[in-house]
């Protein structure tokens, strides 16, 4: 059982979110987390119900941040332009911590085990595919070709993100993304 949202719960969630952005979820223990954010494990368990409940809330916050960004992108009409905007955001050094956290949640969701990250990867893929579909002309966006194009664009961006996070080689990876985006015809 979790406590309803309260100012203290929101404050601790924000602090825990900052903590995991810097430290990741892997082997997260409540005791060091609670100490780092000025709380106790008991308070966190009371407010979030369990460690899993806290992780679920942290992943929900990451997805909320991602969705907020997607809302800012709505409006362009070409997948190529959306791809450039998305890559620009993904490649920004100020987003590395959030994106590393996102990758960790995404990877753990792929394991298929029940837990707070179950469905996280699928949900984020659907969020991004929806954004890219909105960039395609309404008269063709439901075609198999349009679906394949946005799926490929998302795969290229996600793969480039993983490469960038692993190597930090922004010039090489951006050149590859640009190469792919130039290959897109009018959509």
C-alpha atoms as a PDB file:
ATOM      1  CA  UNK A   1       0.000   0.000   0.000  1.00  0.00           C
ATOM      2  CA  UNK A   2       1.403   3.376  -0.954  1.00  0.00           C
ATOM      3  CA  UNK A   3       0.593   6.717   0.518  1.00  0.00           C
ATOM      4  CA  UNK A   4      -1.252   9.183  -1.691  1.00  0.00           C
ATOM      5  CA  UNK A   5       0.866  11.877  -3.226  1.00  0.00           C
ATOM      6  CA  UNK A   6       1.921  14.414  -0.658  1.00  0.00           C
ATOM      7  CA  UNK A   7       4.417  17.255  -0.835  1.00  0.00           C
ATOM      8  CA  UNK A   8       6.933  15.121   1.109  1.00  0.00           C
ATOM      9  CA  UNK A   9       6.446  12.140  -1.206  1.00  0.00           C
ATOM     10  CA  UNK A  10       6.934  14.365  -4.253  1.00  0.00           C
ATOM     11  CA  UNK A  11      10.010  15.943  -2.666  1.00  0.00           C
ATOM     12  CA  UNK A  12      11.564  12.534  -1.949  1.00  0.00           C
ATOM     13  CA  UNK A  13      10.666  11.246  -5.408  1.00  0.00           C
ATOM     14  CA  UNK A  14      12.400  14.250  -6.995  1.00  0.00           C
ATOM     15  CA  UNK A  15      15.472  13.713  -4.814  1.00  0.00           C
ATOM     16  CA  UNK A  16      15.515   9.973  -5.536  1.00  0.00           C
ATOM     17  CA  UNK A  17      15.170  10.705  -9.245  1.00  0.00           C
ATOM     18  CA  UNK A  18      18.200  13.008  -9.139  1.00  0.00           C
ATOM     19  CA  UNK A  19      20.055  10.280  -7.245  1.00  0.00           C
ATOM     20  CA  UNK A  20      19.312   7.525  -9.784  1.00  0.00           C
ATOM     21  CA  UNK A  21      20.140   9.836 -12.673  1.00  0.00           C
ATOM     22  CA  UNK A  22      23.614  10.071 -11.201  1.00  0.00           C
ATOM     23  CA  UNK A  23      23.950   6.528  -9.860  1.00  0.00           C
ATOM     24  CA  UNK A  24      21.634   4.322 -11.912  1.00  0.00           C
ATOM     25  CA  UNK A  25      19.212   1.646 -10.821  1.00  0.00           C
ATOM     26  CA  UNK A  26      21.590  -1.305 -10.854  1.00  0.00           C
ATOM     27  CA  UNK A  27      21.866  -2.755  -7.386  1.00  0.00           C
ATOM     28  CA  UNK A  28      20.112   0.275  -5.909  1.00  0.00           C
ATOM     29  CA  UNK A  29      19.757  -0.203  -2.179  1.00  0.00           C
ATOM     30  CA  UNK A  30      17.261   1.734  -0.094  1.00  0.00           C
ATOM     31  CA  UNK A  31      19.671   2.455   2.749  1.00  0.00           C
ATOM     32  CA  UNK A  32      22.280   4.453   0.726  1.00  0.00           C
ATOM     33  CA  UNK A  33      19.534   6.065  -1.341  1.00  0.00           C
ATOM     34  CA  UNK A  34      17.616   7.165   1.751  1.00  0.00           C
ATOM     35  CA  UNK A  35      20.776   8.538   3.380  1.00  0.00           C
ATOM     36  CA  UNK A  36      21.716  10.443   0.211  1.00  0.00           C
ATOM     37  CA  UNK A  37      18.299  12.100  -0.040  1.00  0.00           C
ATOM     38  CA  UNK A  38      17.805  12.874   3.644  1.00  0.00           C
ATOM     39  CA  UNK A  39      15.267  10.203   4.486  1.00  0.00           C
ATOM     40  CA  UNK A  40      15.147   6.674   5.851  1.00  0.00           C
ATOM     41  CA  UNK A  41      14.340   3.326   4.268  1.00  0.00           C
ATOM     42  CA  UNK A  42      11.228   3.080   6.456  1.00  0.00           C
ATOM     43  CA  UNK A  43       9.874   6.386   5.179  1.00  0.00           C
ATOM     44  CA  UNK A  44      10.503   5.366   1.576  1.00  0.00           C
ATOM     45  CA  UNK A  45       8.767   2.033   2.125  1.00  0.00           C
ATOM     46  CA  UNK A  46       5.848   3.789   3.818  1.00  0.00           C
ATOM     47  CA  UNK A  47       5.456   6.298   1.000  1.00  0.00           C
ATOM     48  CA  UNK A  48       6.056   3.975  -1.969  1.00  0.00           C
ATOM     49  CA  UNK A  49       4.913   0.630  -0.543  1.00  0.00           C
ATOM     50  CA  UNK A  50       8.082  -1.232  -1.523  1.00  0.00           C
ATOM     51  CA  UNK A  51      11.389  -0.825  -3.286  1.00  0.00           C
ATOM     52  CA  UNK A  52       9.589  -1.974  -6.438  1.00  0.00           C
ATOM     53  CA  UNK A  53       6.982   0.753  -5.941  1.00  0.00           C
ATOM     54  CA  UNK A  54       9.726   3.354  -5.687  1.00  0.00           C
ATOM     55  CA  UNK A  55      11.414   2.056  -8.839  1.00  0.00           C
ATOM     56  CA  UNK A  56       8.067   2.117 -10.631  1.00  0.00           C
ATOM     57  CA  UNK A  57       7.630   5.761  -9.581  1.00  0.00           C
ATOM     58  CA  UNK A  58      11.170   6.602 -10.782  1.00  0.00           C
ATOM     59  CA  UNK A  59      10.563   4.970 -14.173  1.00  0.00           C
ATOM     60  CA  UNK A  60       7.230   6.783 -14.430  1.00  0.00           C
ATOM     61  CA  UNK A  61       9.074  10.053 -13.805  1.00  0.00           C
ATOM     62  CA  UNK A  62      11.591   9.237 -16.560  1.00  0.00           C
ATOM     63  CA  UNK A  63       8.755   8.433 -18.965  1.00  0.00           C
ATOM     64  CA  UNK A  64       6.950  11.626 -17.966  1.00  0.00           C
ATOM     65  CA  UNK A  65      10.094  13.626 -18.781  1.00  0.00           C
ATOM     66  CA  UNK A  66      10.321  11.833 -22.126  1.00  0.00           C
ATOM     67  CA  UNK A  67       6.636  12.487 -22.904  1.00  0.00           C
ATOM     68  CA  UNK A  68       7.036  16.154 -21.991  1.00  0.00           C
ATOM     69  CA  UNK A  69       9.810  16.372 -24.553  1.00  0.00           C
ATOM     70  CA  UNK A  70       7.698  14.565 -27.156  1.00  0.00           C
ATOM     71  CA  UNK A  71       4.916  17.098 -26.654  1.00  0.00           C
ATOM     72  CA  UNK A  72       7.404  19.891 -27.370  1.00  0.00           C
ATOM     73  CA  UNK A  73       8.313  18.202 -30.667  1.00  0.00           C
ATOM     74  CA  UNK A  74       4.772  17.855 -31.988  1.00  0.00           C
ATOM     75  CA  UNK A  75       4.161  20.046 -34.976  1.00  0.00           C
ATOM     76  CA  UNK A  76       6.756  19.237 -37.635  1.00  0.00           C
ATOM     77  CA  UNK A  77       5.384  17.383 -40.621  1.00  0.00           C
ATOM     78  CA  UNK A  78       8.379  15.412 -41.843  1.00  0.00           C
ATOM     79  CA  UNK A  79       9.953  12.373 -40.219  1.00  0.00           C
ATOM     80  CA  UNK A  80      13.358  13.629 -41.392  1.00  0.00           C
ATOM     81  CA  UNK A  81      12.905  16.919 -39.486  1.00  0.00           C
ATOM     82  CA  UNK A  82      11.608  15.054 -36.449  1.00  0.00           C
ATOM     83  CA  UNK A  83      14.632  12.742 -36.647  1.00  0.00           C
ATOM     84  CA  UNK A  84      16.990  15.717 -36.647  1.00  0.00           C
ATOM     85  CA  UNK A  85      15.211  17.320 -33.692  1.00  0.00           C
ATOM     86  CA  UNK A  86      15.121  14.069 -31.744  1.00  0.00           C
ATOM     87  CA  UNK A  87      18.815  13.370 -32.416  1.00  0.00           C
ATOM     88  CA  UNK A  88      19.747  16.881 -31.389  1.00  0.00           C
ATOM     89  CA  UNK A  89      17.975  16.315 -28.071  1.00  0.00           C
ATOM     90  CA  UNK A  90      19.410  12.811 -27.600  1.00  0.00           C
ATOM     91  CA  UNK A  91      22.952  13.989 -28.338  1.00  0.00           C
ATOM     92  CA  UNK A  92      22.860  16.943 -25.927  1.00  0.00           C
ATOM     93  CA  UNK A  93      25.332  16.329 -23.085  1.00  0.00           C
ATOM     94  CA  UNK A  94      22.812  17.695 -20.571  1.00  0.00           C
ATOM     95  CA  UNK A  95      20.534  14.695 -21.245  1.00  0.00           C
ATOM     96  CA  UNK A  96      23.152  11.944 -20.773  1.00  0.00           C
ATOM     97  CA  UNK A  97      22.142  11.051 -17.212  1.00  0.00           C
ATOM     98  CA  UNK A  98      18.437  10.816 -18.088  1.00  0.00           C
ATOM     99  CA  UNK A  99      19.185   8.756 -21.186  1.00  0.00           C
ATOM    100  CA  UNK A 100      21.549   6.393 -19.385  1.00  0.00           C
ATOM    101  CA  UNK A 101      18.785   5.870 -16.800  1.00  0.00           C
ATOM    102  CA  UNK A 102      16.283   5.334 -19.634  1.00  0.00           C
ATOM    103  CA  UNK A 103      18.576   2.751 -21.276  1.00  0.00           C
ATOM    104  CA  UNK A 104      18.938   0.928 -17.978  1.00  0.00           C
ATOM    105  CA  UNK A 105      15.168   0.746 -17.502  1.00  0.00           C
ATOM    106  CA  UNK A 106      14.697  -0.211 -21.150  1.00  0.00           C
ATOM    107  CA  UNK A 107      17.286  -3.003 -20.939  1.00  0.00           C
ATOM    108  CA  UNK A 108      15.824  -4.386 -17.737  1.00  0.00           C
ATOM    109  CA  UNK A 109      12.357  -4.399 -19.303  1.00  0.00           C
ATOM    110  CA  UNK A 110      13.722  -6.635 -22.069  1.00  0.00           C
ATOM    111  CA  UNK A 111      14.502  -9.377 -19.569  1.00  0.00           C
ATOM    112  CA  UNK A 112      10.784 -10.082 -19.381  1.00  0.00           C
ATOM    113  CA  UNK A 113      10.792 -10.578 -15.657  1.00  0.00           C
ATOM    114  CA  UNK A 114       7.947  -9.140 -13.648  1.00  0.00           C
ATOM    115  CA  UNK A 115       8.928  -6.020 -11.821  1.00  0.00           C
ATOM    116  CA  UNK A 116       8.706  -2.276 -11.958  1.00  0.00           C
ATOM    117  CA  UNK A 117      10.257  -2.069 -15.425  1.00  0.00           C
ATOM    118  CA  UNK A 118       7.828  -4.568 -17.026  1.00  0.00           C
ATOM    119  CA  UNK A 119       6.447  -2.962 -20.175  1.00  0.00           C
ATOM    120  CA  UNK A 120       8.720   0.086 -19.947  1.00  0.00           C
ATOM    121  CA  UNK A 121      10.542  -0.655 -23.213  1.00  0.00           C
ATOM    122  CA  UNK A 122       7.352  -1.439 -25.139  1.00  0.00           C
ATOM    123  CA  UNK A 123       5.636   1.692 -23.859  1.00  0.00           C
ATOM    124  CA  UNK A 124       8.507   3.985 -24.817  1.00  0.00           C
ATOM    125  CA  UNK A 125       8.773   2.426 -28.287  1.00  0.00           C
ATOM    126  CA  UNK A 126       5.061   3.082 -28.776  1.00  0.00           C
ATOM    127  CA  UNK A 127       5.440   6.686 -27.556  1.00  0.00           C
ATOM    128  CA  UNK A 128       8.205   7.395 -30.077  1.00  0.00           C
ATOM    129  CA  UNK A 129       6.463   5.585 -32.950  1.00  0.00           C
ATOM    130  CA  UNK A 130       3.349   7.665 -32.309  1.00  0.00           C
ATOM    131  CA  UNK A 131       5.391  10.871 -32.457  1.00  0.00           C
ATOM    132  CA  UNK A 132       7.007   9.828 -35.734  1.00  0.00           C
ATOM    133  CA  UNK A 133       3.651   8.754 -37.207  1.00  0.00           C
ATOM    134  CA  UNK A 134       2.279  12.229 -36.478  1.00  0.00           C
ATOM    135  CA  UNK A 135       5.083  13.621 -38.658  1.00  0.00           C
ATOM    136  CA  UNK A 136       4.017  11.593 -41.660  1.00  0.00           C
ATOM    137  CA  UNK A 137       1.358  12.797 -44.112  1.00  0.00           C
ATOM    138  CA  UNK A 138      -2.078  11.720 -42.887  1.00  0.00           C
ATOM    139  CA  UNK A 139      -2.974  10.119 -46.213  1.00  0.00           C
ATOM    140  CA  UNK A 140      -0.037   7.685 -46.069  1.00  0.00           C
ATOM    141  CA  UNK A 141       0.850   7.224 -42.385  1.00  0.00           C
ATOM    142  CA  UNK A 142      -1.190   4.022 -42.064  1.00  0.00           C
ATOM    143  CA  UNK A 143       0.595   2.324 -44.958  1.00  0.00           C
ATOM    144  CA  UNK A 144       3.029  -0.547 -44.335  1.00  0.00           C
ATOM    145  CA  UNK A 145       5.791   1.555 -45.934  1.00  0.00           C
ATOM    146  CA  UNK A 146       5.210   4.493 -43.563  1.00  0.00           C
ATOM    147  CA  UNK A 147       5.175   2.138 -40.572  1.00  0.00           C
ATOM    148  CA  UNK A 148       8.425   0.523 -41.759  1.00  0.00           C
ATOM    149  CA  UNK A 149      10.039   3.943 -42.294  1.00  0.00           C
ATOM    150  CA  UNK A 150       9.246   5.225 -38.799  1.00  0.00           C
ATOM    151  CA  UNK A 151      10.274   1.894 -37.261  1.00  0.00           C
ATOM    152  CA  UNK A 152      13.630   2.085 -39.052  1.00  0.00           C
ATOM    153  CA  UNK A 153      14.129   5.719 -38.046  1.00  0.00           C
ATOM    154  CA  UNK A 154      13.445   4.866 -34.412  1.00  0.00           C
ATOM    155  CA  UNK A 155      15.824   1.884 -34.589  1.00  0.00           C
ATOM    156  CA  UNK A 156      18.576   4.071 -36.074  1.00  0.00           C
ATOM    157  CA  UNK A 157      18.099   6.766 -33.405  1.00  0.00           C
ATOM    158  CA  UNK A 158      18.002   4.247 -30.567  1.00  0.00           C
ATOM    159  CA  UNK A 159      21.077   2.419 -31.875  1.00  0.00           C
ATOM    160  CA  UNK A 160      22.918   5.704 -32.337  1.00  0.00           C
ATOM    161  CA  UNK A 161      22.015   6.678 -28.778  1.00  0.00           C
ATOM    162  CA  UNK A 162      23.455   3.432 -27.423  1.00  0.00           C
ATOM    163  CA  UNK A 163      26.627   3.960 -29.452  1.00  0.00           C
ATOM    164  CA  UNK A 164      26.941   7.568 -28.271  1.00  0.00           C
ATOM    165  CA  UNK A 165      26.438   6.608 -24.616  1.00  0.00           C
ATOM    166  CA  UNK A 166      29.025   3.831 -24.947  1.00  0.00           C
ATOM    167  CA  UNK A 167      31.705   5.812 -26.788  1.00  0.00           C
ATOM    168  CA  UNK A 168      30.972   9.513 -26.361  1.00  0.00           C
ATOM    169  CA  UNK A 169      31.947   9.940 -30.034  1.00  0.00           C
ATOM    170  CA  UNK A 170      29.343  12.536 -30.943  1.00  0.00           C
ATOM    171  CA  UNK A 171      30.904  13.537 -34.291  1.00  0.00           C
ATOM    172  CA  UNK A 172      31.023  10.016 -35.727  1.00  0.00           C
ATOM    173  CA  UNK A 173      27.581   9.032 -34.464  1.00  0.00           C
ATOM    174  CA  UNK A 174      25.955  12.298 -35.578  1.00  0.00           C
ATOM    175  CA  UNK A 175      27.489  11.843 -39.043  1.00  0.00           C
ATOM    176  CA  UNK A 176      25.892   8.386 -39.222  1.00  0.00           C
ATOM    177  CA  UNK A 177      22.501   9.729 -38.125  1.00  0.00           C
ATOM    178  CA  UNK A 178      22.744  12.536 -40.691  1.00  0.00           C
ATOM    179  CA  UNK A 179      23.643   9.998 -43.378  1.00  0.00           C
ATOM    180  CA  UNK A 180      20.523   7.989 -42.586  1.00  0.00           C
ATOM    181  CA  UNK A 181      18.286  11.068 -42.444  1.00  0.00           C
ATOM    182  CA  UNK A 182      19.512  12.200 -45.880  1.00  0.00           C
ATOM    183  CA  UNK A 183      18.506   8.803 -47.242  1.00  0.00           C
ATOM    184  CA  UNK A 184      14.896   9.393 -46.292  1.00  0.00           C
ATOM    185  CA  UNK A 185      12.869  10.553 -49.235  1.00  0.00           C
ATOM    186  CA  UNK A 186       9.879  12.796 -48.870  1.00  0.00           C
ATOM    187  CA  UNK A 187       7.574  11.099 -46.415  1.00  0.00           C
END
